Amino acid sequence: MTEQALDALMLTLFTLISAVGGYDMPDHYPTLSQMPRVEIAMRICGRDCRVHAAYFSESGVMIDETLDLQRDPFGQSVLVHELVQFLQDANGTFAAMAPCKRQNEREREAYWIQDQYLQRIGHGGMTGVHYSNRLWPRCFDE
């Protein structure tokens, strides 16, 4: 994907995130690194797991290099999820919450906006299981 095409995609996705999530448009975009999925999984899980992308405040968005960000709605939705987390970080969203509760709320919001993206482009959306996952760890730090 060319830098110009990536900038256009980022503008489109941030515009949707702003409209749906109420975030202001960012003054800059995070760094985007495409890499083997297993490298991302090792950083997140310490082993191979089902992760396709991650956002880190110090290094930006890392995304599975096999996702077609130009043509694949699912790949774009994964990027939406990580861009939401970039905006959450930039805006201090949920910052006053205890760490576990904050992480759960960040994920719920990111999955919800990802689902809204898929619905708005006519891709059906995700099941509610993804953004209200009962399998997430219970928080004891509330």
C-alpha atoms as a PDB file:
ATOM      1  CA  MET A   1       0.000   0.000   0.000  1.00  0.00           C
ATOM      2  CA  THR A   2       1.411   3.364  -0.952  1.00  0.00           C
ATOM      3  CA  GLU A   3       1.872   6.073   1.664  1.00  0.00           C
ATOM      4  CA  GLN A   4      -0.753   8.184  -0.124  1.00  0.00           C
ATOM      5  CA  ALA A   5      -3.285   5.328  -0.076  1.00  0.00           C
ATOM      6  CA  LEU A   6      -2.548   4.661   3.591  1.00  0.00           C
ATOM      7  CA  ASP A   7      -3.055   8.347   4.471  1.00  0.00           C
ATOM      8  CA  ALA A   8      -6.398   8.343   2.629  1.00  0.00           C
ATOM      9  CA  LEU A   9      -7.478   5.180   4.469  1.00  0.00           C
ATOM     10  CA  MET A  10      -6.425   6.610   7.841  1.00  0.00           C
ATOM     11  CA  LEU A  11      -8.389   9.799   7.156  1.00  0.00           C
ATOM     12  CA  THR A  12     -11.479   7.765   6.274  1.00  0.00           C
ATOM     13  CA  LEU A  13     -11.193   5.532   9.333  1.00  0.00           C
ATOM     14  CA  PHE A  14     -10.488   8.373  11.760  1.00  0.00           C
ATOM     15  CA  THR A  15     -13.457  10.295  10.330  1.00  0.00           C
ATOM     16  CA  LEU A  16     -15.728   7.337  11.083  1.00  0.00           C
ATOM     17  CA  ILE A  17     -14.240   6.850  14.552  1.00  0.00           C
ATOM     18  CA  SER A  18     -14.784  10.539  15.260  1.00  0.00           C
ATOM     19  CA  ALA A  19     -18.408  10.390  14.103  1.00  0.00           C
ATOM     20  CA  VAL A  20     -19.239   7.180  15.974  1.00  0.00           C
ATOM     21  CA  GLY A  21     -17.069   7.508  19.066  1.00  0.00           C
ATOM     22  CA  GLY A  22     -17.123  11.261  19.550  1.00  0.00           C
ATOM     23  CA  TYR A  23     -13.344  11.621  19.427  1.00  0.00           C
ATOM     24  CA  ASP A  24     -11.705  14.670  17.853  1.00  0.00           C
ATOM     25  CA  MET A  25      -9.669  14.050  14.732  1.00  0.00           C
ATOM     26  CA  PRO A  26      -6.026  13.476  15.701  1.00  0.00           C
ATOM     27  CA  ASP A  27      -3.348  15.989  14.754  1.00  0.00           C
ATOM     28  CA  HIS A  28      -1.099  13.096  13.687  1.00  0.00           C
ATOM     29  CA  TYR A  29      -1.455   9.428  12.846  1.00  0.00           C
ATOM     30  CA  PRO A  30       0.249   6.621  14.744  1.00  0.00           C
ATOM     31  CA  THR A  31       3.088   4.689  13.169  1.00  0.00           C
ATOM     32  CA  LEU A  32       1.755   1.611  11.364  1.00  0.00           C
ATOM     33  CA  SER A  33       3.972  -1.482  11.112  1.00  0.00           C
ATOM     34  CA  GLN A  34       2.850  -4.544   9.179  1.00  0.00           C
ATOM     35  CA  MET A  35       4.562  -7.725  10.365  1.00  0.00           C
ATOM     36  CA  PRO A  36       4.013 -11.468  10.771  1.00  0.00           C
ATOM     37  CA  ARG A  37       1.045 -12.159  13.043  1.00  0.00           C
ATOM     38  CA  VAL A  38       3.090 -14.501  15.225  1.00  0.00           C
ATOM     39  CA  GLU A  39       5.478 -11.635  16.121  1.00  0.00           C
ATOM     40  CA  ILE A  40       2.534  -9.609  17.402  1.00  0.00           C
ATOM     41  CA  ALA A  41       1.180 -12.642  19.250  1.00  0.00           C
ATOM     42  CA  MET A  42       4.515 -13.235  20.986  1.00  0.00           C
ATOM     43  CA  ARG A  43       4.583  -9.641  22.192  1.00  0.00           C
ATOM     44  CA  ILE A  44       0.985  -9.743  23.459  1.00  0.00           C
ATOM     45  CA  CYS A  45       0.555 -13.345  24.630  1.00  0.00           C
ATOM     46  CA  GLY A  46       4.124 -14.610  24.969  1.00  0.00           C
ATOM     47  CA  ARG A  47       3.114 -17.445  22.617  1.00  0.00           C
ATOM     48  CA  ASP A  48       1.087 -17.900  19.450  1.00  0.00           C
ATOM     49  CA  CYS A  49      -2.487 -16.745  19.972  1.00  0.00           C
ATOM     50  CA  ARG A  50      -5.346 -15.335  17.875  1.00  0.00           C
ATOM     51  CA  VAL A  51      -4.243 -11.686  17.955  1.00  0.00           C
ATOM     52  CA  HIS A  52      -4.079  -9.860  14.598  1.00  0.00           C
ATOM     53  CA  ALA A  53      -2.926  -6.436  15.758  1.00  0.00           C
ATOM     54  CA  ALA A  54      -1.971  -4.332  18.749  1.00  0.00           C
ATOM     55  CA  TYR A  55      -1.457  -0.703  19.660  1.00  0.00           C
ATOM     56  CA  PHE A  56       1.455   0.361  21.850  1.00  0.00           C
ATOM     57  CA  SER A  57       1.874   3.994  22.886  1.00  0.00           C
ATOM     58  CA  GLU A  58       5.634   3.825  22.353  1.00  0.00           C
ATOM     59  CA  SER A  59       5.629   2.152  18.925  1.00  0.00           C
ATOM     60  CA  GLY A  60       2.198   2.617  17.350  1.00  0.00           C
ATOM     61  CA  VAL A  61       0.038   0.038  15.605  1.00  0.00           C
ATOM     62  CA  MET A  62       1.406  -3.383  14.731  1.00  0.00           C
ATOM     63  CA  ILE A  63      -0.830  -5.276  12.314  1.00  0.00           C
ATOM     64  CA  ASP A  64      -0.759  -8.678  10.645  1.00  0.00           C
ATOM     65  CA  GLU A  65       0.979  -8.306   7.292  1.00  0.00           C
ATOM     66  CA  THR A  66      -1.453 -10.751   5.656  1.00  0.00           C
ATOM     67  CA  LEU A  67      -4.423  -8.418   6.213  1.00  0.00           C
ATOM     68  CA  ASP A  68      -5.323  -6.504   3.057  1.00  0.00           C
ATOM     69  CA  LEU A  69      -5.914  -3.008   4.386  1.00  0.00           C
ATOM     70  CA  GLN A  70      -6.917  -1.663   0.968  1.00  0.00           C
ATOM     71  CA  ARG A  71      -9.636  -4.141   0.033  1.00  0.00           C
ATOM     72  CA  ASP A  72     -10.560  -6.341   2.995  1.00  0.00           C
ATOM     73  CA  PRO A  73     -13.310  -4.995   5.286  1.00  0.00           C
ATOM     74  CA  PHE A  74     -12.220  -7.268   8.145  1.00  0.00           C
ATOM     75  CA  GLY A  75      -8.608  -6.082   7.859  1.00  0.00           C
ATOM     76  CA  GLN A  76      -9.794  -2.475   7.864  1.00  0.00           C
ATOM     77  CA  SER A  77     -11.971  -3.167  10.907  1.00  0.00           C
ATOM     78  CA  VAL A  78      -8.966  -4.572  12.782  1.00  0.00           C
ATOM     79  CA  LEU A  79      -7.148  -1.319  12.013  1.00  0.00           C
ATOM     80  CA  VAL A  80     -10.199   0.654  13.228  1.00  0.00           C
ATOM     81  CA  HIS A  81      -9.995  -1.190  16.550  1.00  0.00           C
ATOM     82  CA  GLU A  82      -6.340  -0.246  17.028  1.00  0.00           C
ATOM     83  CA  LEU A  83      -6.907   3.367  15.936  1.00  0.00           C
ATOM     84  CA  VAL A  84      -9.624   3.653  18.588  1.00  0.00           C
ATOM     85  CA  GLN A  85      -7.067   2.519  21.144  1.00  0.00           C
ATOM     86  CA  PHE A  86      -4.635   5.147  19.843  1.00  0.00           C
ATOM     87  CA  LEU A  87      -7.305   7.824  20.382  1.00  0.00           C
ATOM     88  CA  GLN A  88      -8.196   6.455  23.812  1.00  0.00           C
ATOM     89  CA  ASP A  89      -4.541   6.742  24.783  1.00  0.00           C
ATOM     90  CA  ALA A  90      -4.187  10.241  23.313  1.00  0.00           C
ATOM     91  CA  ASN A  91      -7.330  11.453  25.111  1.00  0.00           C
ATOM     92  CA  GLY A  92      -6.831   9.697  28.449  1.00  0.00           C
ATOM     93  CA  THR A  93     -10.132   7.867  27.967  1.00  0.00           C
ATOM     94  CA  PHE A  94     -10.967   5.732  31.016  1.00  0.00           C
ATOM     95  CA  ALA A  95      -7.723   6.935  32.657  1.00  0.00           C
ATOM     96  CA  ALA A  96      -9.395   7.447  36.038  1.00  0.00           C
ATOM     97  CA  MET A  97     -10.438   3.781  36.235  1.00  0.00           C
ATOM     98  CA  ALA A  98      -8.492   1.022  37.952  1.00  0.00           C
ATOM     99  CA  PRO A  99      -6.180  -0.779  35.482  1.00  0.00           C
ATOM    100  CA  CYS A 100      -8.219  -3.949  34.880  1.00  0.00           C
ATOM    101  CA  LYS A 101     -11.529  -2.118  34.547  1.00  0.00           C
ATOM    102  CA  ARG A 102      -9.876   0.478  32.270  1.00  0.00           C
ATOM    103  CA  GLN A 103      -8.533  -2.237  29.948  1.00  0.00           C
ATOM    104  CA  ASN A 104     -11.909  -3.963  29.764  1.00  0.00           C
ATOM    105  CA  GLU A 105     -13.689  -0.695  28.939  1.00  0.00           C
ATOM    106  CA  ARG A 106     -11.072   0.235  26.326  1.00  0.00           C
ATOM    107  CA  GLU A 107     -11.585  -3.127  24.606  1.00  0.00           C
ATOM    108  CA  ARG A 108     -15.377  -2.943  24.779  1.00  0.00           C
ATOM    109  CA  GLU A 109     -15.405   0.500  23.172  1.00  0.00           C
ATOM    110  CA  ALA A 110     -12.871  -0.484  20.497  1.00  0.00           C
ATOM    111  CA  TYR A 111     -14.856  -3.606  19.584  1.00  0.00           C
ATOM    112  CA  TRP A 112     -18.098  -1.621  19.534  1.00  0.00           C
ATOM    113  CA  ILE A 113     -16.670   0.976  17.123  1.00  0.00           C
ATOM    114  CA  GLN A 114     -15.124  -1.825  15.027  1.00  0.00           C
ATOM    115  CA  ASP A 115     -18.587  -3.418  14.844  1.00  0.00           C
ATOM    116  CA  GLN A 116     -20.160  -0.084  13.863  1.00  0.00           C
ATOM    117  CA  TYR A 117     -17.620   0.249  11.056  1.00  0.00           C
ATOM    118  CA  LEU A 118     -18.459  -3.187   9.662  1.00  0.00           C
ATOM    119  CA  GLN A 119     -22.191  -2.487   9.848  1.00  0.00           C
ATOM    120  CA  ARG A 120     -21.872   0.896   8.133  1.00  0.00           C
ATOM    121  CA  ILE A 121     -19.959  -0.534   5.182  1.00  0.00           C
ATOM    122  CA  GLY A 122     -22.531  -3.298   4.805  1.00  0.00           C
ATOM    123  CA  HIS A 123     -20.343  -6.105   6.095  1.00  0.00           C
ATOM    124  CA  GLY A 124     -22.825  -7.264   8.728  1.00  0.00           C
ATOM    125  CA  GLY A 125     -20.859  -6.521  11.854  1.00  0.00           C
ATOM    126  CA  MET A 126     -19.558  -8.700  14.640  1.00  0.00           C
ATOM    127  CA  THR A 127     -21.436 -10.718  17.226  1.00  0.00           C
ATOM    128  CA  GLY A 128     -21.839  -9.083  20.618  1.00  0.00           C
ATOM    129  CA  VAL A 129     -19.551 -11.741  22.070  1.00  0.00           C
ATOM    130  CA  HIS A 130     -16.531  -9.817  20.814  1.00  0.00           C
ATOM    131  CA  TYR A 131     -17.162  -6.581  22.681  1.00  0.00           C
ATOM    132  CA  SER A 132     -18.961  -7.916  25.744  1.00  0.00           C
ATOM    133  CA  ASN A 133     -16.856 -11.026  26.142  1.00  0.00           C
ATOM    134  CA  ARG A 134     -17.692 -12.843  29.372  1.00  0.00           C
ATOM    135  CA  LEU A 135     -14.362 -14.633  29.122  1.00  0.00           C
ATOM    136  CA  TRP A 136     -12.375 -11.490  29.876  1.00  0.00           C
ATOM    137  CA  PRO A 137     -10.782 -11.644  33.294  1.00  0.00           C
ATOM    138  CA  ARG A 138     -12.929 -10.493  36.166  1.00  0.00           C
ATOM    139  CA  CYS A 139     -11.577  -7.324  37.710  1.00  0.00           C
ATOM    140  CA  PHE A 140     -10.787  -7.313  41.397  1.00  0.00           C
ATOM    141  CA  ASP A 141      -9.273  -3.821  41.421  1.00  0.00           C
ATOM    142  CA  GLU A 142     -12.561  -1.898  41.218  1.00  0.00           C
END
